[in-house]
Amino acid sequence: MINRKHQRYNGKELISETFIDYTWDQVKEIREEHLTKCDWRFMSDQTPSQEWIDYRQFLRDLPQQFTEANEACDAWNEYAIPQ
């Protein structure tokens, strides 16, 4: 997941909120890390849930589904990652 929102607080008071811009290369690198971390769920002695199958497909499809890297980040941030 890539959260582009960066918030600064002074104690409990929000003093600024900015959004970080990502490139496709950065998104793809982070995506590959996430795919690698959940590879174990797809080994021959595991039975992945449909939620995990869908999540990995969502990650693989990011570059084809979004024209802007930041849009892909925002969609990923809103995706309910399986437990």
C-alpha atoms as a PDB file:
ATOM      1  CA  MET A   1       0.000   0.000   0.000  1.00  0.00           C
ATOM      2  CA  ILE A   2       1.239   3.483  -0.835  1.00  0.00           C
ATOM      3  CA  ASN A   3      -0.209   6.334   1.187  1.00  0.00           C
ATOM      4  CA  ARG A   4       0.639   9.591  -0.578  1.00  0.00           C
ATOM      5  CA  LYS A   5      -0.827  11.799   2.158  1.00  0.00           C
ATOM      6  CA  HIS A   6       1.729  13.428   4.445  1.00  0.00           C
ATOM      7  CA  GLN A   7       0.325  15.199   7.491  1.00  0.00           C
ATOM      8  CA  ARG A   8       2.162  17.375  10.002  1.00  0.00           C
ATOM      9  CA  TYR A   9       0.834  18.001  13.477  1.00  0.00           C
ATOM     10  CA  ASN A  10       1.628  20.427  16.264  1.00  0.00           C
ATOM     11  CA  GLY A  11       0.558  18.262  19.141  1.00  0.00           C
ATOM     12  CA  LYS A  12      -2.967  17.213  18.186  1.00  0.00           C
ATOM     13  CA  GLU A  13      -3.518  20.092  15.744  1.00  0.00           C
ATOM     14  CA  LEU A  14      -3.096  19.382  12.031  1.00  0.00           C
ATOM     15  CA  ILE A  15      -0.888  22.135  10.621  1.00  0.00           C
ATOM     16  CA  SER A  16      -0.318  20.940   7.040  1.00  0.00           C
ATOM     17  CA  GLU A  17      -1.297  18.234   4.618  1.00  0.00           C
ATOM     18  CA  THR A  18       0.519  17.489   1.379  1.00  0.00           C
ATOM     19  CA  PHE A  19       0.507  14.690  -1.151  1.00  0.00           C
ATOM     20  CA  ILE A  20       3.676  12.986  -2.328  1.00  0.00           C
ATOM     21  CA  ASP A  21       3.968  12.329  -6.060  1.00  0.00           C
ATOM     22  CA  TYR A  22       5.178   8.895  -7.161  1.00  0.00           C
ATOM     23  CA  THR A  23       6.542   7.735 -10.496  1.00  0.00           C
ATOM     24  CA  TRP A  24       5.551   4.476 -12.163  1.00  0.00           C
ATOM     25  CA  ASP A  25       9.025   3.107 -11.457  1.00  0.00           C
ATOM     26  CA  GLN A  26       8.541   3.712  -7.729  1.00  0.00           C
ATOM     27  CA  VAL A  27       5.055   2.187  -7.736  1.00  0.00           C
ATOM     28  CA  LYS A  28       6.263  -0.888  -9.602  1.00  0.00           C
ATOM     29  CA  GLU A  29       9.193  -1.355  -7.222  1.00  0.00           C
ATOM     30  CA  ILE A  30       6.946  -1.209  -4.135  1.00  0.00           C
ATOM     31  CA  ARG A  31       4.382  -3.440  -5.851  1.00  0.00           C
ATOM     32  CA  GLU A  32       7.060  -6.072  -6.550  1.00  0.00           C
ATOM     33  CA  GLU A  33       8.058  -6.020  -2.875  1.00  0.00           C
ATOM     34  CA  HIS A  34       4.443  -6.631  -1.832  1.00  0.00           C
ATOM     35  CA  LEU A  35       4.004  -9.438  -4.355  1.00  0.00           C
ATOM     36  CA  THR A  36       7.218 -11.085  -3.155  1.00  0.00           C
ATOM     37  CA  LYS A  37       6.155 -10.839   0.508  1.00  0.00           C
ATOM     38  CA  CYS A  38       2.933 -12.744  -0.174  1.00  0.00           C
ATOM     39  CA  ASP A  39       4.391 -15.356  -2.564  1.00  0.00           C
ATOM     40  CA  TRP A  40       4.387 -17.918   0.252  1.00  0.00           C
ATOM     41  CA  ARG A  41       0.567 -17.938   0.195  1.00  0.00           C
ATOM     42  CA  PHE A  42       0.728 -19.440  -3.298  1.00  0.00           C
ATOM     43  CA  MET A  43       3.165 -22.279  -2.678  1.00  0.00           C
ATOM     44  CA  SER A  44       2.013 -25.808  -3.466  1.00  0.00           C
ATOM     45  CA  ASP A  45       1.201 -26.634   0.179  1.00  0.00           C
ATOM     46  CA  GLN A  46      -1.009 -23.534   0.605  1.00  0.00           C
ATOM     47  CA  THR A  47      -4.534 -22.780  -0.543  1.00  0.00           C
ATOM     48  CA  PRO A  48      -4.868 -19.020  -1.023  1.00  0.00           C
ATOM     49  CA  SER A  49      -8.223 -17.386  -0.437  1.00  0.00           C
ATOM     50  CA  GLN A  50     -10.065 -15.725  -3.285  1.00  0.00           C
ATOM     51  CA  GLU A  51      -9.349 -12.383  -1.598  1.00  0.00           C
ATOM     52  CA  TRP A  52      -5.602 -13.000  -1.920  1.00  0.00           C
ATOM     53  CA  ILE A  53      -5.967 -14.124  -5.524  1.00  0.00           C
ATOM     54  CA  ASP A  54      -7.931 -10.944  -6.306  1.00  0.00           C
ATOM     55  CA  TYR A  55      -5.471  -8.711  -4.443  1.00  0.00           C
ATOM     56  CA  ARG A  56      -2.473 -10.060  -6.340  1.00  0.00           C
ATOM     57  CA  GLN A  57      -4.337  -9.655  -9.624  1.00  0.00           C
ATOM     58  CA  PHE A  58      -5.155  -6.066  -8.641  1.00  0.00           C
ATOM     59  CA  LEU A  59      -1.440  -5.400  -8.029  1.00  0.00           C
ATOM     60  CA  ARG A  60      -0.386  -6.988 -11.306  1.00  0.00           C
ATOM     61  CA  ASP A  61      -3.005  -4.962 -13.199  1.00  0.00           C
ATOM     62  CA  LEU A  62      -2.122  -1.552 -11.717  1.00  0.00           C
ATOM     63  CA  PRO A  63      -0.159  -0.252 -14.738  1.00  0.00           C
ATOM     64  CA  GLN A  64      -2.892  -1.313 -17.157  1.00  0.00           C
ATOM     65  CA  GLN A  65      -5.780   0.037 -15.073  1.00  0.00           C
ATOM     66  CA  PHE A  66      -4.451   3.534 -14.345  1.00  0.00           C
ATOM     67  CA  THR A  67      -2.812   6.142 -16.543  1.00  0.00           C
ATOM     68  CA  GLU A  68      -1.212   8.064 -13.678  1.00  0.00           C
ATOM     69  CA  ALA A  69       1.012   6.540 -11.004  1.00  0.00           C
ATOM     70  CA  ASN A  70      -0.593   8.690  -8.318  1.00  0.00           C
ATOM     71  CA  GLU A  71      -4.055   7.393  -9.255  1.00  0.00           C
ATOM     72  CA  ALA A  72      -2.750   3.849  -8.862  1.00  0.00           C
ATOM     73  CA  CYS A  73      -1.320   4.719  -5.438  1.00  0.00           C
ATOM     74  CA  ASP A  74      -4.623   6.174  -4.297  1.00  0.00           C
ATOM     75  CA  ALA A  75      -6.586   3.140  -5.513  1.00  0.00           C
ATOM     76  CA  TRP A  76      -4.121   0.803  -3.814  1.00  0.00           C
ATOM     77  CA  ASN A  77      -4.407   2.773  -0.583  1.00  0.00           C
ATOM     78  CA  GLU A  78      -8.199   2.272  -0.651  1.00  0.00           C
ATOM     79  CA  TYR A  79      -8.001  -1.464  -1.468  1.00  0.00           C
ATOM     80  CA  ALA A  80      -8.952  -3.753   1.419  1.00  0.00           C
ATOM     81  CA  ILE A  81      -5.831  -5.889   1.797  1.00  0.00           C
ATOM     82  CA  PRO A  82      -6.694  -9.453   2.867  1.00  0.00           C
ATOM     83  CA  GLN A  83      -5.774 -10.720   6.325  1.00  0.00           C
END
